[in-house]
Structures are given as C-alpha cells and as structure tokens.
Protein backbone atom coordinates (compact mmCIF):
# COMPACT_ATOMS: atom_id res chain seq x y z
CA MET A 1 87.63 84.55 78.96
CA ASN A 2 84.69 85.22 76.64
CA THR A 3 83.90 81.87 74.96
CA THR A 4 82.83 83.63 71.75
CA LEU A 5 86.21 85.33 71.51
CA PHE A 6 87.98 82.04 72.23
CA SER A 7 86.00 80.22 69.56
CA ARG A 8 87.34 82.61 66.94
CA TRP A 9 90.80 81.17 67.50
CA LEU A 10 89.71 77.62 66.53
CA PRO A 11 90.01 76.54 62.89
CA ALA A 12 86.72 77.06 61.08
CA VAL A 13 86.46 73.51 59.76
CA GLU A 14 84.04 70.76 60.59
CA GLN A 15 86.59 67.95 60.73
CA THR A 16 89.47 68.40 63.20
CA SER A 17 91.68 65.70 64.64
CA LEU A 18 91.16 64.69 68.24
CA VAL A 19 94.80 65.45 69.02
CA ARG A 20 94.53 69.01 67.70
CA LYS A 21 91.34 69.59 69.68
CA THR A 22 93.01 68.32 72.81
CA VAL A 23 96.05 70.57 72.36
CA LEU A 24 93.94 73.62 71.70
CA GLY A 25 91.70 72.81 74.63
CA VAL A 26 94.63 72.55 77.02
CA ALA A 27 96.15 75.77 75.68
CA GLY A 28 92.82 77.53 76.01
CA LEU A 29 92.39 76.43 79.62
CA ALA A 30 95.89 77.61 80.43
CA PHE A 31 95.18 81.02 78.87
CA VAL A 32 91.86 81.35 80.68
CA GLY A 33 93.49 80.39 83.94
CA GLY A 34 96.12 83.09 83.39
CA ALA A 35 93.48 85.68 82.57
CA VAL A 36 91.58 84.91 85.73
CA ALA A 37 94.64 84.72 87.91
CA GLY A 38 96.06 88.04 86.69
CA PRO A 39 93.43 90.37 88.22
CA ALA A 40 93.36 88.22 91.36
CA VAL A 41 97.06 88.76 91.89
CA ALA A 42 96.71 92.47 91.14
CA ALA A 43 93.85 92.73 93.60
CA GLN A 44 96.01 91.27 96.33
CA ALA A 45 98.72 93.82 95.60
CA ALA A 46 96.34 96.79 95.46
CA PRO A 47 95.77 98.86 98.61
CA GLU A 48 92.59 98.03 100.47
CA HIS A 49 90.09 100.87 100.89
CA ALA A 50 88.30 99.39 103.84
CA GLY A 51 86.69 101.06 106.79
CA SER A 52 84.90 104.37 107.19
CA PRO A 53 84.64 107.10 104.53
CA VAL A 54 87.42 108.90 106.37
CA SER A 55 89.81 105.96 106.01
CA GLN A 56 88.89 105.64 102.34
CA SER A 57 89.73 109.28 101.69
CA VAL A 58 92.99 109.01 103.59
CA MET A 59 94.05 106.03 101.46
CA ALA A 60 93.26 107.89 98.26
CA ASP A 61 94.91 111.03 99.61
CA LYS A 62 98.22 109.21 99.47
CA GLY A 63 98.19 109.40 95.72
CA ASP A 64 96.31 106.18 94.89
CA LYS A 65 99.64 104.86 93.66
CA GLY A 66 98.24 101.37 93.07
CA LYS A 67 95.51 102.70 90.81
CA SER A 68 97.48 105.29 88.88
CA ASP A 69 97.83 103.22 85.71
CA LYS A 70 94.33 101.76 85.80
CA GLY A 71 92.78 105.15 86.34
CA LYS A 72 94.26 106.75 83.25
CA GLY A 73 92.39 107.06 80.02
CA ASP A 74 93.60 107.93 76.54
CA LYS A 75 96.92 109.76 76.22
CA GLY A 76 97.63 109.40 79.92
CA LYS A 77 94.66 111.48 81.05
CA PRO A 78 92.86 110.52 84.27
CA SER A 79 89.73 108.51 83.52
CA ARG A 80 86.33 110.12 83.87
CA ASP A 81 85.27 107.83 86.71
CA ARG A 82 88.15 109.14 88.81
CA LEU A 83 87.40 112.76 88.00
CA VAL A 84 83.62 112.66 88.35
CA PRO A 85 82.71 109.41 90.16
CA ARG A 86 79.07 110.40 90.66
CA GLY A 87 78.54 112.21 87.37
CA VAL A 88 77.55 115.87 87.05
CA GLN A 89 74.39 117.31 88.56
CA GLY A 90 72.09 119.74 86.80
CA SER A 91 72.83 122.04 83.89
CA GLN A 92 76.45 122.93 83.34
CA SER A 93 78.18 126.25 82.64
CA ARG A 94 81.44 127.04 80.87
CA ILE A 95 83.74 130.00 80.51
CA ASP A 96 86.84 130.64 78.43
CA VAL A 97 89.91 129.49 80.34
CA SER A 98 93.11 130.96 78.98
CA GLY A 99 95.92 133.24 80.11
CA GLU A 100 95.76 133.90 83.85
CA ARG A 101 92.87 131.49 84.30
CA SER A 102 94.81 128.67 82.69
CA ASP A 103 97.84 129.45 84.84
CA ASN A 104 95.67 129.31 87.94
CA VAL A 105 94.31 125.90 86.97
CA LYS A 106 97.89 124.67 86.73
CA ALA A 107 98.67 126.23 90.11
CA ILE A 108 95.68 124.50 91.72
CA VAL A 109 96.62 121.13 90.23
CA LYS A 110 100.25 121.55 91.28
CA ALA A 111 99.25 122.45 94.85
CA THR A 112 96.87 119.47 94.97
CA LYS A 113 99.63 117.08 93.96
CA LYS A 114 102.00 118.69 96.46
CA ALA A 115 99.40 118.12 99.18
CA GLY A 116 99.38 114.42 98.26
CA LEU A 117 95.81 114.40 96.99
CA GLY A 118 94.38 112.94 93.81
CA GLU A 119 92.49 114.07 90.76
CA ARG A 120 89.10 114.25 92.48
CA ALA A 121 90.38 116.78 94.99
CA ALA A 122 91.72 118.89 92.11
CA VAL A 123 88.32 118.78 90.37
CA ILE A 124 86.59 119.98 93.53
CA ALA A 125 89.14 122.75 94.02
CA VAL A 126 88.98 123.95 90.40
CA GLY A 127 85.19 123.79 90.39
CA THR A 128 85.03 125.79 93.59
CA SER A 129 87.34 128.45 92.18
CA LEU A 130 85.30 128.61 88.97
CA GLN A 131 82.27 129.56 91.05
CA GLU A 132 84.02 131.84 93.52
CA SER A 133 86.29 133.85 91.23
CA LYS A 134 86.05 132.44 87.69
CA LEU A 135 89.62 131.25 88.28
CA GLU A 136 90.89 134.80 88.77
CA ASN A 137 93.10 135.72 91.71
CA LEU A 138 90.91 138.59 92.86
CA GLY A 139 92.05 141.42 95.11
CA HIS A 140 89.67 143.63 97.02
CA LEU A 141 86.79 144.68 94.77
CA GLY A 142 85.67 147.73 96.73
CA ASP A 143 81.89 148.06 96.91
CA ARG A 144 81.52 144.86 94.91
CA ASN A 145 83.53 142.87 97.42
CA ASP A 146 81.88 140.19 99.52
CA HIS A 147 83.08 141.48 102.89
CA ASP A 148 86.88 141.01 102.82
CA SER A 149 86.93 138.00 100.47
CA LEU A 150 90.06 137.60 98.34
CA GLY A 151 91.84 135.30 95.94
CA LEU A 152 90.89 132.25 93.89
CA PHE A 153 88.55 130.88 96.56
CA GLN A 154 87.29 134.17 97.98
CA GLN A 155 88.69 133.38 101.40
CA ARG A 156 88.40 135.96 104.15
CA PRO A 157 91.26 137.16 106.36
CA SER A 158 88.72 138.01 109.07
CA SER A 159 87.61 134.36 109.13
CA GLY A 160 91.09 133.06 109.76
CA TRP A 161 92.07 131.96 106.26
CA GLY A 162 95.31 133.95 106.37
CA SER A 163 96.65 137.40 105.58
CA PRO A 164 95.67 139.15 102.33
CA ASP A 165 99.11 138.38 100.90
CA GLN A 166 98.76 134.70 101.79
CA ILE A 167 95.22 134.34 100.46
CA THR A 168 96.16 135.89 97.13
CA ASP A 169 98.98 133.37 96.69
CA PRO A 170 97.48 130.53 94.57
CA GLU A 171 99.47 127.76 96.23
CA TYR A 172 98.66 128.98 99.74
CA SER A 173 94.95 129.48 99.04
CA THR A 174 94.61 126.09 97.34
CA THR A 175 96.42 124.33 100.16
CA SER A 176 94.16 126.05 102.70
CA PHE A 177 91.06 124.97 100.78
CA LEU A 178 92.32 121.38 100.60
CA LYS A 179 93.03 121.31 104.34
CA GLY A 180 89.40 122.21 104.89
CA LEU A 181 88.27 119.59 102.37
CA LYS A 182 90.19 116.83 104.14
CA GLN A 183 88.19 117.55 107.29
CA VAL A 184 84.95 116.65 105.48
CA ASP A 185 84.03 113.01 106.09
CA GLY A 186 83.56 111.13 102.83
CA TRP A 187 84.32 114.10 100.60
CA GLN A 188 85.51 111.88 97.75
CA GLU A 189 82.11 110.31 97.36
CA MET A 190 80.18 113.57 97.50
CA PRO A 191 78.90 115.60 94.56
CA LEU A 192 81.23 118.54 94.00
CA THR A 193 78.68 121.09 95.19
CA ASP A 194 78.23 119.32 98.53
CA ALA A 195 81.96 118.93 99.18
CA ALA A 196 82.66 122.54 98.21
CA GLN A 197 79.85 123.86 100.38
CA LYS A 198 81.15 122.03 103.44
CA VAL A 199 84.36 124.05 103.13
CA GLN A 200 83.09 127.36 101.79
CA VAL A 201 79.77 127.70 103.65
CA SER A 202 78.33 129.76 100.83
CA ALA A 203 74.99 131.56 100.76
CA PHE A 204 74.44 129.78 97.42
CA PRO A 205 75.31 126.15 98.20
CA ASP A 206 74.05 124.67 94.94
CA ALA A 207 75.95 127.07 92.67
CA TYR A 208 79.11 124.94 92.58
CA ALA A 209 77.38 122.07 90.75
CA GLN A 210 77.31 123.87 87.41
CA TRP A 211 81.11 123.82 87.10
CA GLU A 212 81.84 120.14 87.67
CA ASP A 213 82.00 119.17 83.99
CA GLN A 214 84.41 121.94 83.02
CA ALA A 215 86.49 121.41 86.14
CA ALA A 216 86.87 117.73 85.24
CA ASP A 217 87.98 118.61 81.71
CA LEU A 218 90.49 121.16 82.96
CA VAL A 219 92.03 118.74 85.44
CA ALA A 220 92.10 115.95 82.84
CA ASN A 221 94.04 118.18 80.45
CA THR A 222 96.42 119.45 83.12
CA TRP A 223 97.05 116.57 85.52
CA ASN A 224 99.82 114.88 83.54
CA SER A 225 101.02 117.82 81.49
C-alpha cells in the first residue's frame, strides 16, 4: 500500500497513546498484507500466456475469459490497451459510420465473437474493412473493380476466398478474414497494418495504418452493446 495514503488514516495529532498506535499498526499491516496477497492470488488463477507468439494468440483467442473484467474501461467498454496495444502509427483518417456501415461494424464484431476471438482481432478486421471498402459490402464495380474483388474485405473468388454470394455475406467474409489472421504468427502484437497486410497481401501495405484509431473506437462502442 502507498504509505502516504495510509498515513492519511492516522489521527492528525501529535500525542497518541501507545496502545492506539499499536492497534492501528497491526490493522495497517493486515490491510497491506491483504492488498498484496489479492493480486498474487488472482495471478495464480489467471491463464498463463507462456510460450511462442502462436501459443499466446491461441490463449487469447479463447476469449481471454480471465482478463475480461480487468480489460474493461468505463461503462463496460474494452480498455484502450486491449484494443490498440501498440498505439496507432502515423496520421489517422476518419469517415462517417452510420446506416449500412454501422450495421457492418456490428456484423464484424459479432462474427469475431462467434469465432472465439477478442477485441484486438475485431479492431484489425474493422480497420481492414475501412481501408478495403469503407465498411460497405461492395458488389462488382465494373471498370472500377479491382479484378473480381467483392464484399467488406474485397476478397476475390478467383483466389479461393469463396463464391460471390459467400464473399458478400458479412459473417462469411469476416470469418474467412479471421481464419487467415489466425495463421499469422504473433498477429496480436503486430501493428494493425502489418497484421492486415499478412492476410490481404495488398499493393498498398501501409494504407491500413490510418484506420486503427477509428477502428478501435468503433469496436469499443460496439463490443458490449
């Protein structure tokens, strides 16, 4: 315990009986002992994230049940260190997210939870979709289309991501993206742009970075809603 904080509990007088000092001292030691023992017990009960980056991601993929309460900030929102553990990189962009875009954020978060992954995976997925489609479930864009890319993540049927109907289903496309993400060693510790690029193999690998801040805010506002 912080000794300054503890001292505030003592009577602010210069003359105190020896008995009273002794009682307060014993009570203070007992309280300090409890404060120290509490986290130690919790640490023993918490899941260990030992081993390689792969094993760490697998443990967290199972929902991080032991950390769920500690990782929540105000009003039950996930804390920032869970959403953006490395902070954002470079200048950030934002767009209006309402209507269909908002619904697609909810669909991505729902699919992430269904896949057994945590908030960080949802941030990466939302940030990737912000770059690829501005969170719009795009069909074929004709001459403006990037080959045969479709959907929230601009996945291509010709590259084995699924049929056009499957790729334009938000749950299916999100689940497919997350399956690719789980194959990336240490994805949880990577900046969003690096993790996204490992899955998407984009011609503009650094473009995902600009969406990390907004993606984190969107997931924070949606995760427990």
